[in-house]
Amino acid sequence: MIGTLRRLRDDERGITLVELIVAMALLAIAAPIVGAAMISSLRATEQLSVSSQVLDELRLQVTAISRELRSATCITSPAGNSTGTKLTFSTASNGLDPNAAESAVTYEVVGGELLRTQGSGDPAIVSRGIVGPAAPFRQVTTPRRSVHIDFSVALLDGEPPQQIGTVVAGRNAWRTCS
């Protein structure tokens, strides 16, 4: 037992100063490489997150427009068989007279932003990043009416824009607002 204790006391385990300096040099070389990779990864993740948020926001707005348009009683613009940057319709879902100015809802694309105005209120920005088409709203009047909504959204620099759209169709109740 005493021999084992003597051997443990005389044993010089640990690292030398040279080994410590070599380890620090390797760490100094590897740290900037790993740091740069992490920063690049964080930037890419942030950009994808913003792009995903813009896309999700616009999808939600297209759904909201479709829902509101289904309750519309008449469509002011675009007129039948035409396109435009503005979609204006009246709705009686809020209990008001469908021909009253307070019940009119307008969606308009201005400078890459989708604006929503209800009645005579101020426009509110409901989505951003829209790059086209020049006239995203189109009303088609055949025996049944339909409204086509098409947006292009720029997500990443150098990438082609994403297309988002829908068709709200088949409302015989839609008429031209007086």
Protein backbone atom coordinates (compact mmCIF):
# COMPACT_ATOMS: atom_id res chain seq x y z
CA MET A 1 0.00 0.00 0.00
CA ILE A 2 2.83 2.38 0.85
CA GLY A 3 4.45 1.56 -2.49
CA THR A 4 1.26 2.55 -4.31
CA LEU A 5 1.07 5.86 -2.46
CA ARG A 6 4.72 6.58 -3.25
CA ARG A 7 4.16 5.83 -6.94
CA LEU A 8 1.12 8.14 -7.07
CA ARG A 9 3.07 10.96 -5.36
CA ASP A 10 6.04 10.61 -7.69
CA ASP A 11 3.83 10.40 -10.80
CA GLU A 12 3.81 13.71 -12.65
CA ARG A 13 0.56 13.63 -14.60
CA GLY A 14 -0.85 16.74 -16.29
CA ILE A 15 0.03 18.93 -19.25
CA THR A 16 3.22 20.75 -19.94
CA LEU A 17 3.54 24.40 -20.92
CA VAL A 18 4.38 23.37 -24.51
CA GLU A 19 1.23 21.27 -24.78
CA LEU A 20 -0.83 24.14 -23.41
CA ILE A 21 0.63 26.60 -25.98
CA VAL A 22 -0.02 24.17 -28.86
CA ALA A 23 -3.64 23.69 -27.73
CA MET A 24 -4.16 27.46 -27.51
CA ALA A 25 -2.65 27.97 -30.98
CA LEU A 26 -4.99 25.36 -32.47
CA LEU A 27 -7.95 27.00 -30.74
CA ALA A 28 -6.89 30.43 -32.05
CA ILE A 29 -6.82 29.04 -35.59
CA ALA A 30 -10.15 27.16 -35.36
CA ALA A 31 -12.23 29.78 -33.49
CA PRO A 32 -12.50 32.36 -36.33
CA ILE A 33 -13.45 29.65 -38.84
CA VAL A 34 -16.19 28.26 -36.60
CA GLY A 35 -17.33 31.78 -35.67
CA ALA A 36 -17.63 32.86 -39.31
CA ALA A 37 -19.64 29.74 -40.14
CA MET A 38 -22.00 30.40 -37.23
CA ILE A 39 -22.52 34.05 -38.20
CA SER A 40 -23.23 33.08 -41.80
CA SER A 41 -25.71 30.45 -40.65
CA LEU A 42 -27.48 32.92 -38.36
CA ARG A 43 -27.80 35.49 -41.17
CA ALA A 44 -29.23 32.91 -43.57
CA THR A 45 -31.68 31.72 -40.92
CA GLU A 46 -32.82 35.28 -40.22
CA GLN A 47 -33.35 36.01 -43.93
CA LEU A 48 -35.36 32.81 -44.39
CA SER A 49 -37.42 33.64 -41.31
CA VAL A 50 -38.30 37.10 -42.66
CA SER A 51 -39.15 35.62 -46.08
CA SER A 52 -41.34 32.99 -44.50
CA GLN A 53 -43.12 35.62 -42.43
CA VAL A 54 -43.84 37.78 -45.52
CA LEU A 55 -45.18 34.76 -47.41
CA ASP A 56 -47.35 33.62 -44.50
CA GLU A 57 -48.69 37.14 -43.98
CA LEU A 58 -49.72 37.43 -47.63
CA ARG A 59 -51.33 33.97 -47.62
CA LEU A 60 -53.40 35.00 -44.63
CA GLN A 61 -54.46 38.20 -46.39
CA VAL A 62 -55.49 36.33 -49.53
CA THR A 63 -57.63 34.10 -47.31
CA ALA A 64 -59.12 37.16 -45.57
CA ILE A 65 -59.89 38.84 -48.90
CA SER A 66 -61.58 35.65 -50.13
CA ARG A 67 -63.68 35.39 -46.99
CA GLU A 68 -64.78 39.04 -47.15
CA LEU A 69 -65.46 38.83 -50.88
CA ARG A 70 -67.74 35.83 -50.38
CA SER A 71 -69.96 38.00 -48.19
CA ALA A 72 -69.96 40.87 -50.70
CA THR A 73 -73.20 42.06 -52.21
CA CYS A 74 -71.69 44.07 -55.04
CA ILE A 75 -68.31 44.80 -56.61
CA THR A 76 -67.31 48.31 -57.64
CA SER A 77 -63.87 47.65 -59.07
CA PRO A 78 -62.47 46.12 -61.07
CA ALA A 79 -65.44 46.27 -63.39
CA GLY A 80 -66.59 43.15 -65.19
CA ASN A 81 -63.97 41.52 -67.44
CA SER A 82 -61.21 43.93 -66.43
CA THR A 83 -58.18 44.08 -64.16
CA GLY A 84 -56.92 46.64 -61.69
CA THR A 85 -54.74 47.46 -58.70
CA LYS A 86 -57.85 48.07 -56.62
CA LEU A 87 -60.55 45.69 -55.43
CA THR A 88 -63.58 47.50 -54.00
CA PHE A 89 -66.77 45.81 -52.88
CA SER A 90 -69.64 46.37 -50.49
CA THR A 91 -70.77 43.98 -47.87
CA ALA A 92 -73.85 43.75 -45.70
CA SER A 93 -72.20 41.37 -43.24
CA ASN A 94 -71.77 44.20 -40.74
CA GLY A 95 -75.48 45.00 -40.83
CA LEU A 96 -75.10 48.23 -42.83
CA ASP A 97 -76.72 49.19 -46.09
CA PRO A 98 -74.58 47.56 -48.84
CA ASN A 99 -74.67 50.80 -50.84
CA ALA A 100 -73.50 52.91 -47.88
CA ALA A 101 -69.93 54.20 -47.97
CA GLU A 102 -69.25 52.76 -44.49
CA SER A 103 -69.71 49.20 -45.75
CA ALA A 104 -67.30 49.52 -48.69
CA VAL A 105 -64.06 47.56 -48.39
CA THR A 106 -61.09 48.39 -50.63
CA TYR A 107 -57.89 46.43 -51.11
CA GLU A 108 -55.22 48.22 -53.12
CA VAL A 109 -51.59 47.53 -54.04
CA VAL A 110 -49.44 50.66 -53.75
CA GLY A 111 -45.65 50.66 -53.80
CA GLY A 112 -45.31 46.96 -52.97
CA GLU A 113 -47.74 47.15 -50.06
CA LEU A 114 -51.26 45.76 -49.82
CA LEU A 115 -53.54 48.33 -48.19
CA ARG A 116 -57.00 47.72 -46.76
CA THR A 117 -59.51 50.51 -46.27
CA GLN A 118 -62.95 50.08 -44.77
CA GLY A 119 -65.50 52.79 -45.37
CA SER A 120 -64.02 56.25 -45.21
CA GLY A 121 -61.30 55.20 -42.74
CA ASP A 122 -57.57 55.42 -43.20
CA PRO A 123 -55.83 52.69 -45.19
CA ALA A 124 -53.99 50.07 -43.17
CA ILE A 125 -50.98 48.13 -44.45
CA VAL A 126 -51.86 44.45 -44.32
CA SER A 127 -48.92 43.01 -46.27
CA ARG A 128 -45.59 44.01 -47.83
CA GLY A 129 -43.14 42.78 -50.44
CA ILE A 130 -45.49 42.59 -53.42
CA VAL A 131 -43.61 42.96 -56.72
CA GLY A 132 -46.29 42.14 -59.24
CA PRO A 133 -48.33 41.76 -61.30
CA ALA A 134 -49.20 45.34 -62.19
CA ALA A 135 -52.94 44.59 -61.87
CA PRO A 136 -53.42 41.82 -59.28
CA PHE A 137 -57.23 41.89 -59.22
CA ARG A 138 -59.34 40.67 -62.15
CA GLN A 139 -63.10 40.23 -62.37
CA VAL A 140 -64.43 37.82 -64.94
CA THR A 141 -68.11 37.98 -65.80
CA THR A 142 -69.55 35.05 -67.62
CA PRO A 143 -72.95 33.69 -66.68
CA ARG A 144 -71.34 33.49 -63.21
CA ARG A 145 -68.86 35.99 -61.84
CA SER A 146 -65.44 35.29 -60.41
CA VAL A 147 -62.65 37.41 -58.99
CA HIS A 148 -59.06 36.33 -59.59
CA ILE A 149 -56.44 37.51 -57.09
CA ASP A 150 -52.78 37.11 -58.08
CA PHE A 151 -49.74 38.42 -56.22
CA SER A 152 -46.00 37.97 -56.77
CA VAL A 153 -43.78 38.30 -53.73
CA ALA A 154 -40.01 38.85 -53.75
CA LEU A 155 -38.53 36.74 -50.96
CA LEU A 156 -34.79 36.41 -51.55
CA ASP A 157 -32.47 38.54 -53.65
CA GLY A 158 -31.72 36.87 -56.97
CA GLU A 159 -34.51 34.32 -56.57
CA PRO A 160 -37.66 34.37 -58.73
CA PRO A 161 -40.74 35.76 -56.96
CA GLN A 162 -43.29 33.43 -55.40
CA GLN A 163 -46.81 33.44 -56.83
CA ILE A 164 -49.79 33.55 -54.48
CA GLY A 165 -53.34 33.71 -55.68
CA THR A 166 -56.85 32.44 -55.56
CA VAL A 167 -60.14 32.59 -57.43
CA VAL A 168 -63.34 33.49 -55.64
CA ALA A 169 -66.06 32.24 -57.93
CA GLY A 170 -69.69 31.59 -58.46
CA ARG A 171 -71.56 34.37 -56.70
CA ASN A 172 -74.69 35.21 -58.64
CA ALA A 173 -75.52 37.75 -55.90
CA TRP A 174 -72.64 39.95 -56.92
CA ARG A 175 -73.79 42.90 -58.89
CA THR A 176 -72.30 46.21 -59.92
CA CYS A 177 -72.62 48.68 -57.04
CA SER A 178 -74.80 51.69 -57.79
